[in-house]
Amino acid sequence: MLRRSVLLSIVVSLMTAVPAAAEDPPFVEWSSLLPGLATTFEPSSENLCTSGRPGCVDAVVREMQRRFNREAAACDHDTIFALSYLRTTEEYRRTLAEPGFYQDARFVTHEDAVFARLYFDAFDAFHRGDLAATPPAWRIAFDAAADHAVPAAGDLFLGINAHVQRDLPFALAAIGLVKPDGSTRKTDHDAVNRFLNRVMDELIPEIARRFDPTIDDTNLPTTIDDLLTFQAIPALRETAWRNAERLAAAPDAKSRAAVAASIESYAASQAQLLRTATMYPLRLGAAARDAFCAANG
């Protein structure tokens, strides 16, 4: 059995991710926002996500919940990252009720939707067989899930790698790294790190209870184990910001394409390392995980 502490050490070594406002409608389907959702932040837009109003997060959560329900019912191994992203977005929604948590909460909400769409698009492309439209890091993650090749910890880290190391730089560069007055938006980017530990406090036990008990295997004291978990993601998010700066600073299309290719290549290489490092030996373990999920998920 591959211990969680070993998996967390692998991840660290690979690093060198309120009530609705009164004007928001009580229910908004995510699909209704897709046609009008652009990467440009426009506070006056009628589109909830383009303008960054809280109802956008509600719509994103509903879409994540819909997808998670479908995957969990089938004990699909994609369930693990789907659950982690759902719980993270739910916690983000709660931070909107905390005064002063963000300098520009509506911009961060816009970012949340743009970022989520990259995951939705990659998932949908892969599962309709459009591999050319699926980023390489995501192809490796989704392949591992489809093949039942890795335990839940592997599925989780593969998803985090693809979404943070691959998707996040592109999302940040697309929406912009500075405010209209020229000041940085890095402060709000870093603020997100403050709530990530709240998510994992409950997420890992939930995965262990419902889908794969091996994710909670550890021979380290809890405080050390948690530290490894939560120092990993902020470090990956810091790298993503720096890569977004590289994209934004590229002087021309050719230079930008070279930076983009390097981001894709690095994320894919880390995904392949993660899959290899976490895969079930001789495919043993997947059947037990699936049986456990069928009984508990």
C-alpha atoms as a PDB file:
ATOM      1  CA  MET A   1       0.000   0.000   0.000  1.00  0.00           C
ATOM      2  CA  LEU A   2       1.430   3.369  -1.031  1.00  0.00           C
ATOM      3  CA  ARG A   3       1.443   5.679   1.968  1.00  0.00           C
ATOM      4  CA  ARG A   4      -0.023   9.155   1.729  1.00  0.00           C
ATOM      5  CA  SER A   5       3.108  10.683   3.268  1.00  0.00           C
ATOM      6  CA  VAL A   6       5.154   9.302   0.361  1.00  0.00           C
ATOM      7  CA  LEU A   7       2.696  10.759  -2.154  1.00  0.00           C
ATOM      8  CA  LEU A   8       2.828  14.141  -0.490  1.00  0.00           C
ATOM      9  CA  SER A   9       6.626  14.075  -0.544  1.00  0.00           C
ATOM     10  CA  ILE A  10       6.479  13.356  -4.285  1.00  0.00           C
ATOM     11  CA  VAL A  11       4.254  16.371  -4.842  1.00  0.00           C
ATOM     12  CA  VAL A  12       6.571  18.619  -2.847  1.00  0.00           C
ATOM     13  CA  SER A  13       9.555  17.394  -4.841  1.00  0.00           C
ATOM     14  CA  LEU A  14       7.790  18.190  -8.129  1.00  0.00           C
ATOM     15  CA  MET A  15       7.293  21.852  -7.241  1.00  0.00           C
ATOM     16  CA  THR A  16      10.739  23.868  -8.193  1.00  0.00           C
ATOM     17  CA  ALA A  17      -3.951  26.053  -7.004  1.00  0.00           C
ATOM     18  CA  VAL A  18     -22.654  34.370   1.657  1.00  0.00           C
ATOM     19  CA  PRO A  19     -25.849  34.836   0.560  1.00  0.00           C
ATOM     20  CA  ALA A  20     -26.310  36.063  -2.993  1.00  0.00           C
ATOM     21  CA  ALA A  21     -26.583  39.782  -3.533  1.00  0.00           C
ATOM     22  CA  ALA A  22     -30.108  41.087  -3.810  1.00  0.00           C
ATOM     23  CA  GLU A  23     -29.802  41.840  -7.514  1.00  0.00           C
ATOM     24  CA  ASP A  24     -28.831  38.269  -8.361  1.00  0.00           C
ATOM     25  CA  PRO A  25     -31.556  35.881  -9.527  1.00  0.00           C
ATOM     26  CA  PRO A  26     -32.245  32.940  -7.202  1.00  0.00           C
ATOM     27  CA  PHE A  27     -31.187  30.362  -9.767  1.00  0.00           C
ATOM     28  CA  VAL A  28     -28.884  30.638 -12.752  1.00  0.00           C
ATOM     29  CA  GLU A  29     -27.855  27.719 -14.924  1.00  0.00           C
ATOM     30  CA  TRP A  30     -24.157  27.604 -15.744  1.00  0.00           C
ATOM     31  CA  SER A  31     -24.985  26.818 -19.363  1.00  0.00           C
ATOM     32  CA  SER A  32     -26.774  30.154 -19.699  1.00  0.00           C
ATOM     33  CA  LEU A  33     -23.552  31.951 -18.765  1.00  0.00           C
ATOM     34  CA  LEU A  34     -21.258  30.105 -21.145  1.00  0.00           C
ATOM     35  CA  PRO A  35     -22.119  31.883 -24.409  1.00  0.00           C
ATOM     36  CA  GLY A  36     -21.482  35.314 -22.949  1.00  0.00           C
ATOM     37  CA  LEU A  37     -18.593  34.503 -20.642  1.00  0.00           C
ATOM     38  CA  ALA A  38     -15.435  36.184 -21.863  1.00  0.00           C
ATOM     39  CA  THR A  39     -12.050  36.620 -20.243  1.00  0.00           C
ATOM     40  CA  THR A  40     -12.550  40.390 -20.094  1.00  0.00           C
ATOM     41  CA  PHE A  41     -13.797  41.611 -16.724  1.00  0.00           C
ATOM     42  CA  GLU A  42     -16.649  44.076 -17.186  1.00  0.00           C
ATOM     43  CA  PRO A  43     -18.367  45.154 -13.926  1.00  0.00           C
ATOM     44  CA  SER A  44     -21.352  46.605 -15.783  1.00  0.00           C
ATOM     45  CA  SER A  45     -22.048  43.437 -17.795  1.00  0.00           C
ATOM     46  CA  GLU A  46     -25.391  41.695 -17.374  1.00  0.00           C
ATOM     47  CA  ASN A  47     -23.561  38.354 -17.392  1.00  0.00           C
ATOM     48  CA  LEU A  48     -23.017  37.352 -13.753  1.00  0.00           C
ATOM     49  CA  CYS A  49     -19.566  35.905 -14.396  1.00  0.00           C
ATOM     50  CA  THR A  50     -18.278  38.616 -16.710  1.00  0.00           C
ATOM     51  CA  SER A  51     -19.237  41.168 -14.032  1.00  0.00           C
ATOM     52  CA  GLY A  52     -18.114  38.948 -11.137  1.00  0.00           C
ATOM     53  CA  ARG A  53     -21.309  39.009  -9.089  1.00  0.00           C
ATOM     54  CA  PRO A  54     -21.790  36.377  -6.346  1.00  0.00           C
ATOM     55  CA  GLY A  55     -24.488  34.583  -8.307  1.00  0.00           C
ATOM     56  CA  CYS A  56     -21.733  33.481 -10.696  1.00  0.00           C
ATOM     57  CA  VAL A  57     -20.144  31.377  -7.964  1.00  0.00           C
ATOM     58  CA  ASP A  58     -23.528  29.850  -7.207  1.00  0.00           C
ATOM     59  CA  ALA A  59     -23.865  28.843 -10.849  1.00  0.00           C
ATOM     60  CA  VAL A  60     -20.345  27.384 -10.932  1.00  0.00           C
ATOM     61  CA  VAL A  61     -21.028  25.382  -7.754  1.00  0.00           C
ATOM     62  CA  ARG A  62     -24.253  24.010  -9.204  1.00  0.00           C
ATOM     63  CA  GLU A  63     -22.440  22.894 -12.351  1.00  0.00           C
ATOM     64  CA  MET A  64     -19.693  21.279 -10.287  1.00  0.00           C
ATOM     65  CA  GLN A  65     -22.279  19.550  -8.110  1.00  0.00           C
ATOM     66  CA  ARG A  66     -24.098  18.230 -11.191  1.00  0.00           C
ATOM     67  CA  ARG A  67     -20.904  16.795 -12.619  1.00  0.00           C
ATOM     68  CA  PHE A  68     -19.768  15.376  -9.286  1.00  0.00           C
ATOM     69  CA  ASN A  69     -23.123  13.662  -8.677  1.00  0.00           C
ATOM     70  CA  ARG A  70     -22.877  11.908 -12.037  1.00  0.00           C
ATOM     71  CA  GLU A  71     -19.305  10.784 -11.506  1.00  0.00           C
ATOM     72  CA  ALA A  72     -19.800   9.718  -7.877  1.00  0.00           C
ATOM     73  CA  ALA A  73     -22.838   7.619  -8.767  1.00  0.00           C
ATOM     74  CA  ALA A  74     -20.670   5.612 -11.162  1.00  0.00           C
ATOM     75  CA  CYS A  75     -17.638   5.486  -8.820  1.00  0.00           C
ATOM     76  CA  ASP A  76     -15.744   7.160 -11.652  1.00  0.00           C
ATOM     77  CA  HIS A  77     -12.169   7.875 -10.613  1.00  0.00           C
ATOM     78  CA  ASP A  78     -12.573  11.430 -11.935  1.00  0.00           C
ATOM     79  CA  THR A  79     -14.779  11.897  -8.860  1.00  0.00           C
ATOM     80  CA  ILE A  80     -11.801  12.684  -6.626  1.00  0.00           C
ATOM     81  CA  PHE A  81     -10.711  15.895  -8.302  1.00  0.00           C
ATOM     82  CA  ALA A  82     -14.327  16.837  -9.011  1.00  0.00           C
ATOM     83  CA  LEU A  83     -15.067  16.645  -5.284  1.00  0.00           C
ATOM     84  CA  SER A  84     -11.955  18.596  -4.324  1.00  0.00           C
ATOM     85  CA  TYR A  85     -12.772  21.383  -6.784  1.00  0.00           C
ATOM     86  CA  LEU A  86     -16.387  21.492  -5.623  1.00  0.00           C
ATOM     87  CA  ARG A  87     -15.404  21.795  -1.965  1.00  0.00           C
ATOM     88  CA  THR A  88     -12.798  24.449  -2.784  1.00  0.00           C
ATOM     89  CA  THR A  89     -15.314  26.550  -4.705  1.00  0.00           C
ATOM     90  CA  GLU A  90     -17.887  26.199  -1.928  1.00  0.00           C
ATOM     91  CA  GLU A  91     -15.306  27.509   0.528  1.00  0.00           C
ATOM     92  CA  TYR A  92     -14.454  30.368  -1.825  1.00  0.00           C
ATOM     93  CA  ARG A  93     -18.149  31.288  -1.813  1.00  0.00           C
ATOM     94  CA  ARG A  94     -18.056  31.489   1.977  1.00  0.00           C
ATOM     95  CA  THR A  95     -15.062  33.828   1.943  1.00  0.00           C
ATOM     96  CA  LEU A  96     -17.135  36.382   0.051  1.00  0.00           C
ATOM     97  CA  ALA A  97     -19.019  36.978   3.301  1.00  0.00           C
ATOM     98  CA  GLU A  98     -15.785  37.895   5.107  1.00  0.00           C
ATOM     99  CA  PRO A  99     -15.275  41.691   4.914  1.00  0.00           C
ATOM    100  CA  GLY A 100     -11.877  42.683   3.583  1.00  0.00           C
ATOM    101  CA  PHE A 101     -10.852  39.173   2.541  1.00  0.00           C
ATOM    102  CA  TYR A 102     -10.271  40.433  -1.023  1.00  0.00           C
ATOM    103  CA  GLN A 103      -9.407  43.831  -2.421  1.00  0.00           C
ATOM    104  CA  ASP A 104     -11.600  43.212  -5.473  1.00  0.00           C
ATOM    105  CA  ALA A 105     -13.924  40.287  -4.800  1.00  0.00           C
ATOM    106  CA  ARG A 106     -15.850  40.701  -8.035  1.00  0.00           C
ATOM    107  CA  PHE A 107     -12.704  40.375 -10.115  1.00  0.00           C
ATOM    108  CA  VAL A 108     -11.722  37.227  -8.194  1.00  0.00           C
ATOM    109  CA  THR A 109     -15.194  35.808  -8.844  1.00  0.00           C
ATOM    110  CA  HIS A 110     -14.731  36.502 -12.556  1.00  0.00           C
ATOM    111  CA  GLU A 111     -11.389  34.696 -12.366  1.00  0.00           C
ATOM    112  CA  ASP A 112     -13.063  31.789 -10.585  1.00  0.00           C
ATOM    113  CA  ALA A 113     -15.430  31.286 -13.515  1.00  0.00           C
ATOM    114  CA  VAL A 114     -12.746  31.602 -16.207  1.00  0.00           C
ATOM    115  CA  PHE A 115     -10.551  29.152 -14.303  1.00  0.00           C
ATOM    116  CA  ALA A 116     -13.395  26.650 -13.815  1.00  0.00           C
ATOM    117  CA  ARG A 117     -14.291  26.779 -17.480  1.00  0.00           C
ATOM    118  CA  LEU A 118     -10.820  25.566 -18.435  1.00  0.00           C
ATOM    119  CA  TYR A 119     -11.426  22.447 -16.337  1.00  0.00           C
ATOM    120  CA  PHE A 120     -14.939  21.931 -17.713  1.00  0.00           C
ATOM    121  CA  ASP A 121     -13.709  22.342 -21.281  1.00  0.00           C
ATOM    122  CA  ALA A 122     -10.809  19.913 -20.805  1.00  0.00           C
ATOM    123  CA  PHE A 123     -13.068  17.330 -19.167  1.00  0.00           C
ATOM    124  CA  ASP A 124     -15.699  17.590 -21.877  1.00  0.00           C
ATOM    125  CA  ALA A 125     -13.164  17.443 -24.706  1.00  0.00           C
ATOM    126  CA  PHE A 126     -11.519  14.312 -23.330  1.00  0.00           C
ATOM    127  CA  HIS A 127     -14.768  12.502 -22.643  1.00  0.00           C
ATOM    128  CA  ARG A 128     -16.156  13.157 -26.105  1.00  0.00           C
ATOM    129  CA  GLY A 129     -12.953  11.761 -27.585  1.00  0.00           C
ATOM    130  CA  ASP A 130     -11.463  15.069 -28.723  1.00  0.00           C
ATOM    131  CA  LEU A 131      -7.930  14.448 -27.509  1.00  0.00           C
ATOM    132  CA  ALA A 132      -6.497  17.234 -29.664  1.00  0.00           C
ATOM    133  CA  ALA A 133      -8.523  19.740 -27.648  1.00  0.00           C
ATOM    134  CA  THR A 134      -7.490  18.197 -24.305  1.00  0.00           C
ATOM    135  CA  PRO A 135      -4.312  19.698 -22.801  1.00  0.00           C
ATOM    136  CA  PRO A 136      -1.604  17.034 -22.348  1.00  0.00           C
ATOM    137  CA  ALA A 137      -1.494  17.274 -18.535  1.00  0.00           C
ATOM    138  CA  TRP A 138      -5.240  16.721 -18.441  1.00  0.00           C
ATOM    139  CA  ARG A 139      -5.020  13.824 -20.906  1.00  0.00           C
ATOM    140  CA  ILE A 140      -2.628  12.052 -18.550  1.00  0.00           C
ATOM    141  CA  ALA A 141      -4.871  12.749 -15.541  1.00  0.00           C
ATOM    142  CA  PHE A 142      -8.072  11.647 -17.270  1.00  0.00           C
ATOM    143  CA  ASP A 143      -6.355   8.591 -18.779  1.00  0.00           C
ATOM    144  CA  ALA A 144      -5.183   7.533 -15.324  1.00  0.00           C
ATOM    145  CA  ALA A 145      -8.730   7.864 -14.003  1.00  0.00           C
ATOM    146  CA  ALA A 146     -10.239   5.987 -16.942  1.00  0.00           C
ATOM    147  CA  ASP A 147      -7.660   3.202 -16.597  1.00  0.00           C
ATOM    148  CA  HIS A 148      -8.118   2.959 -12.812  1.00  0.00           C
ATOM    149  CA  ALA A 149      -4.353   3.230 -12.729  1.00  0.00           C
ATOM    150  CA  VAL A 150      -3.747   5.181  -9.520  1.00  0.00           C
ATOM    151  CA  PRO A 151      -5.277   5.460  -6.043  1.00  0.00           C
ATOM    152  CA  ALA A 152      -7.337   8.479  -5.005  1.00  0.00           C
ATOM    153  CA  ALA A 153      -4.261  10.404  -3.892  1.00  0.00           C
ATOM    154  CA  GLY A 154      -2.828  10.025  -7.388  1.00  0.00           C
ATOM    155  CA  ASP A 155      -6.068  11.202  -8.995  1.00  0.00           C
ATOM    156  CA  LEU A 156      -6.131  14.193  -6.660  1.00  0.00           C
ATOM    157  CA  PHE A 157      -2.548  15.261  -7.334  1.00  0.00           C
ATOM    158  CA  LEU A 158      -2.861  14.704 -11.079  1.00  0.00           C
ATOM    159  CA  GLY A 159      -5.897  17.008 -11.116  1.00  0.00           C
ATOM    160  CA  ILE A 160      -4.160  19.644  -9.018  1.00  0.00           C
ATOM    161  CA  ASN A 161      -1.113  19.523 -11.280  1.00  0.00           C
ATOM    162  CA  ALA A 162      -3.153  19.934 -14.458  1.00  0.00           C
ATOM    163  CA  HIS A 163      -5.410  22.656 -13.137  1.00  0.00           C
ATOM    164  CA  VAL A 164      -2.853  24.714 -11.216  1.00  0.00           C
ATOM    165  CA  GLN A 165       0.367  24.171 -13.155  1.00  0.00           C
ATOM    166  CA  ARG A 166      -1.275  24.105 -16.583  1.00  0.00           C
ATOM    167  CA  ASP A 167      -4.603  25.977 -16.476  1.00  0.00           C
ATOM    168  CA  LEU A 168      -3.943  28.691 -13.929  1.00  0.00           C
ATOM    169  CA  PRO A 169      -1.167  30.577 -15.780  1.00  0.00           C
ATOM    170  CA  PHE A 170      -3.363  30.819 -18.876  1.00  0.00           C
ATOM    171  CA  ALA A 171      -6.390  31.967 -16.868  1.00  0.00           C
ATOM    172  CA  LEU A 172      -4.385  34.631 -15.026  1.00  0.00           C
ATOM    173  CA  ALA A 173      -2.716  35.949 -18.166  1.00  0.00           C
ATOM    174  CA  ALA A 174      -6.044  36.072 -19.987  1.00  0.00           C
ATOM    175  CA  ILE A 175      -7.889  38.103 -17.353  1.00  0.00           C
ATOM    176  CA  GLY A 176      -4.967  40.383 -16.495  1.00  0.00           C
ATOM    177  CA  LEU A 177      -2.441  40.668 -13.695  1.00  0.00           C
ATOM    178  CA  VAL A 178      -2.884  44.363 -12.919  1.00  0.00           C
ATOM    179  CA  LYS A 179      -5.742  46.675 -12.033  1.00  0.00           C
ATOM    180  CA  PRO A 180      -6.761  49.621 -14.235  1.00  0.00           C
ATOM    181  CA  ASP A 181      -4.526  51.881 -12.118  1.00  0.00           C
ATOM    182  CA  GLY A 182      -1.527  49.644 -12.820  1.00  0.00           C
ATOM    183  CA  SER A 183      -1.269  48.082  -9.354  1.00  0.00           C
ATOM    184  CA  THR A 184      -0.889  44.336  -9.011  1.00  0.00           C
ATOM    185  CA  ARG A 185      -3.694  41.847  -8.441  1.00  0.00           C
ATOM    186  CA  LYS A 186      -1.231  39.502  -6.727  1.00  0.00           C
ATOM    187  CA  THR A 187      -2.615  40.396  -3.288  1.00  0.00           C
ATOM    188  CA  ASP A 188      -5.953  38.791  -4.081  1.00  0.00           C
ATOM    189  CA  HIS A 189      -4.217  35.860  -5.757  1.00  0.00           C
ATOM    190  CA  ASP A 190      -2.334  35.215  -2.517  1.00  0.00           C
ATOM    191  CA  ALA A 191      -5.482  35.677  -0.425  1.00  0.00           C
ATOM    192  CA  VAL A 192      -6.880  32.487  -1.937  1.00  0.00           C
ATOM    193  CA  ASN A 193      -4.099  30.528  -0.212  1.00  0.00           C
ATOM    194  CA  ARG A 194      -5.552  31.534   3.154  1.00  0.00           C
ATOM    195  CA  PHE A 195      -8.624  29.340   2.824  1.00  0.00           C
ATOM    196  CA  LEU A 196      -7.162  26.265   1.119  1.00  0.00           C
ATOM    197  CA  ASN A 197      -6.288  24.602   4.420  1.00  0.00           C
ATOM    198  CA  ARG A 198      -9.919  24.851   5.507  1.00  0.00           C
ATOM    199  CA  VAL A 199     -10.887  22.735   2.525  1.00  0.00           C
ATOM    200  CA  MET A 200      -8.443  19.881   3.055  1.00  0.00           C
ATOM    201  CA  ASP A 201      -9.273  19.576   6.751  1.00  0.00           C
ATOM    202  CA  GLU A 202     -12.553  17.995   5.669  1.00  0.00           C
ATOM    203  CA  LEU A 203     -11.800  16.879   2.119  1.00  0.00           C
ATOM    204  CA  ILE A 204      -9.274  14.131   2.835  1.00  0.00           C
ATOM    205  CA  PRO A 205     -11.479  12.438   5.481  1.00  0.00           C
ATOM    206  CA  GLU A 206     -14.476  12.704   3.128  1.00  0.00           C
ATOM    207  CA  ILE A 207     -12.574  10.993   0.308  1.00  0.00           C
ATOM    208  CA  ALA A 208     -11.366   8.312   2.721  1.00  0.00           C
ATOM    209  CA  ARG A 209     -14.877   7.760   4.051  1.00  0.00           C
ATOM    210  CA  ARG A 210     -16.662   7.632   0.716  1.00  0.00           C
ATOM    211  CA  PHE A 211     -14.282   6.657  -2.065  1.00  0.00           C
ATOM    212  CA  ASP A 212     -10.826   5.373  -1.125  1.00  0.00           C
ATOM    213  CA  PRO A 213      -9.631   4.806   2.454  1.00  0.00           C
ATOM    214  CA  THR A 214      -5.998   4.622   1.349  1.00  0.00           C
ATOM    215  CA  ILE A 215      -5.848   8.399   0.869  1.00  0.00           C
ATOM    216  CA  ASP A 216      -5.773   8.800   4.641  1.00  0.00           C
ATOM    217  CA  ASP A 217      -2.934   6.341   5.199  1.00  0.00           C
ATOM    218  CA  THR A 218      -0.027   8.076   6.862  1.00  0.00           C
ATOM    219  CA  ASN A 219       2.881   7.389   9.175  1.00  0.00           C
ATOM    220  CA  LEU A 220       3.480  11.062   9.938  1.00  0.00           C
ATOM    221  CA  PRO A 221       2.005  13.137  12.749  1.00  0.00           C
ATOM    222  CA  THR A 222      -1.138  14.899  11.527  1.00  0.00           C
ATOM    223  CA  THR A 223       0.319  18.404  11.796  1.00  0.00           C
ATOM    224  CA  ILE A 224       3.329  17.503   9.634  1.00  0.00           C
ATOM    225  CA  ASP A 225       1.164  15.653   7.132  1.00  0.00           C
ATOM    226  CA  ASP A 226      -1.188  18.620   6.807  1.00  0.00           C
ATOM    227  CA  LEU A 227       1.738  21.026   6.445  1.00  0.00           C
ATOM    228  CA  LEU A 228       3.038  19.036   3.475  1.00  0.00           C
ATOM    229  CA  THR A 229      -0.415  19.089   1.900  1.00  0.00           C
ATOM    230  CA  PHE A 230      -1.002  22.785   2.230  1.00  0.00           C
ATOM    231  CA  GLN A 231       2.432  24.117   1.511  1.00  0.00           C
ATOM    232  CA  ALA A 232       2.329  22.265  -1.812  1.00  0.00           C
ATOM    233  CA  ILE A 233      -0.621  24.046  -3.396  1.00  0.00           C
ATOM    234  CA  PRO A 234       0.403  27.655  -2.537  1.00  0.00           C
ATOM    235  CA  ALA A 235       3.853  26.922  -3.980  1.00  0.00           C
ATOM    236  CA  LEU A 236       2.289  25.630  -7.188  1.00  0.00           C
ATOM    237  CA  ARG A 237       0.067  28.726  -7.327  1.00  0.00           C
ATOM    238  CA  GLU A 238       3.122  30.962  -6.928  1.00  0.00           C
ATOM    239  CA  THR A 239       4.772  29.230  -9.880  1.00  0.00           C
ATOM    240  CA  ALA A 240       1.563  29.664 -11.876  1.00  0.00           C
ATOM    241  CA  TRP A 241       1.611  33.414 -11.207  1.00  0.00           C
ATOM    242  CA  ARG A 242       5.218  33.660 -12.392  1.00  0.00           C
ATOM    243  CA  ASN A 243       4.362  31.738 -15.540  1.00  0.00           C
ATOM    244  CA  ALA A 244       1.426  34.079 -16.144  1.00  0.00           C
ATOM    245  CA  GLU A 245       3.879  36.975 -15.875  1.00  0.00           C
ATOM    246  CA  ARG A 246       6.030  35.296 -18.507  1.00  0.00           C
ATOM    247  CA  LEU A 247       3.014  35.017 -20.807  1.00  0.00           C
ATOM    248  CA  ALA A 248       2.042  38.638 -20.221  1.00  0.00           C
ATOM    249  CA  ALA A 249       5.590  39.879 -20.799  1.00  0.00           C
ATOM    250  CA  ALA A 250       6.077  38.025 -24.080  1.00  0.00           C
ATOM    251  CA  PRO A 251       6.796  40.720 -26.695  1.00  0.00           C
ATOM    252  CA  ASP A 252       5.098  39.008 -29.625  1.00  0.00           C
ATOM    253  CA  ALA A 253       2.953  36.053 -30.631  1.00  0.00           C
ATOM    254  CA  LYS A 254       5.942  33.811 -31.345  1.00  0.00           C
ATOM    255  CA  SER A 255       7.454  34.463 -27.931  1.00  0.00           C
ATOM    256  CA  ARG A 256       4.121  33.922 -26.229  1.00  0.00           C
ATOM    257  CA  ALA A 257       3.657  30.617 -28.059  1.00  0.00           C
ATOM    258  CA  ALA A 258       7.081  29.490 -26.844  1.00  0.00           C
ATOM    259  CA  VAL A 259       6.181  30.324 -23.239  1.00  0.00           C
ATOM    260  CA  ALA A 260       2.829  28.568 -23.600  1.00  0.00           C
ATOM    261  CA  ALA A 261       4.547  25.480 -24.998  1.00  0.00           C
ATOM    262  CA  SER A 262       6.950  25.394 -22.070  1.00  0.00           C
ATOM    263  CA  ILE A 263       4.048  25.566 -19.593  1.00  0.00           C
ATOM    264  CA  GLU A 264       2.226  22.751 -21.380  1.00  0.00           C
ATOM    265  CA  SER A 265       5.357  20.627 -21.579  1.00  0.00           C
ATOM    266  CA  TYR A 266       6.319  21.058 -17.942  1.00  0.00           C
ATOM    267  CA  ALA A 267       2.823  20.325 -16.626  1.00  0.00           C
ATOM    268  CA  ALA A 268       2.632  17.215 -18.796  1.00  0.00           C
ATOM    269  CA  SER A 269       6.049  15.998 -17.651  1.00  0.00           C
ATOM    270  CA  GLN A 270       5.036  16.401 -14.008  1.00  0.00           C
ATOM    271  CA  ALA A 271       1.768  14.585 -14.713  1.00  0.00           C
ATOM    272  CA  GLN A 272       3.639  11.642 -16.198  1.00  0.00           C
ATOM    273  CA  LEU A 273       5.969  11.524 -13.183  1.00  0.00           C
ATOM    274  CA  LEU A 274       3.008  11.623 -10.821  1.00  0.00           C
ATOM    275  CA  ARG A 275       1.203   8.842 -12.648  1.00  0.00           C
ATOM    276  CA  THR A 276       4.301   6.656 -12.650  1.00  0.00           C
ATOM    277  CA  ALA A 277       5.077   7.342  -8.993  1.00  0.00           C
ATOM    278  CA  THR A 278       1.569   6.718  -7.702  1.00  0.00           C
ATOM    279  CA  MET A 279       0.274   3.941  -9.956  1.00  0.00           C
ATOM    280  CA  TYR A 280      -1.012   0.709  -8.461  1.00  0.00           C
ATOM    281  CA  PRO A 281       1.640  -2.006  -8.528  1.00  0.00           C
ATOM    282  CA  LEU A 282       0.569  -4.641 -11.047  1.00  0.00           C
ATOM    283  CA  ARG A 283      -2.852  -2.914 -11.128  1.00  0.00           C
ATOM    284  CA  LEU A 284      -3.597  -4.271  -7.667  1.00  0.00           C
ATOM    285  CA  GLY A 285      -5.812  -2.108  -5.480  1.00  0.00           C
ATOM    286  CA  ALA A 286      -8.215  -0.667  -8.018  1.00  0.00           C
ATOM    287  CA  ALA A 287     -10.811  -3.404  -7.540  1.00  0.00           C
ATOM    288  CA  ALA A 288     -10.801  -2.950  -3.762  1.00  0.00           C
ATOM    289  CA  ARG A 289     -11.191   0.802  -4.187  1.00  0.00           C
ATOM    290  CA  ASP A 290     -14.126   0.363  -6.561  1.00  0.00           C
ATOM    291  CA  ALA A 291     -15.820  -2.115  -4.215  1.00  0.00           C
ATOM    292  CA  PHE A 292     -15.360   0.273  -1.300  1.00  0.00           C
ATOM    293  CA  CYS A 293     -16.866   3.142  -3.319  1.00  0.00           C
ATOM    294  CA  ALA A 294     -19.835   1.002  -4.366  1.00  0.00           C
ATOM    295  CA  ALA A 295     -20.578   0.328  -0.706  1.00  0.00           C
ATOM    296  CA  ASN A 296     -19.857   3.796   0.695  1.00  0.00           C
ATOM    297  CA  GLY A 297     -19.732   6.422  -2.048  1.00  0.00           C
END
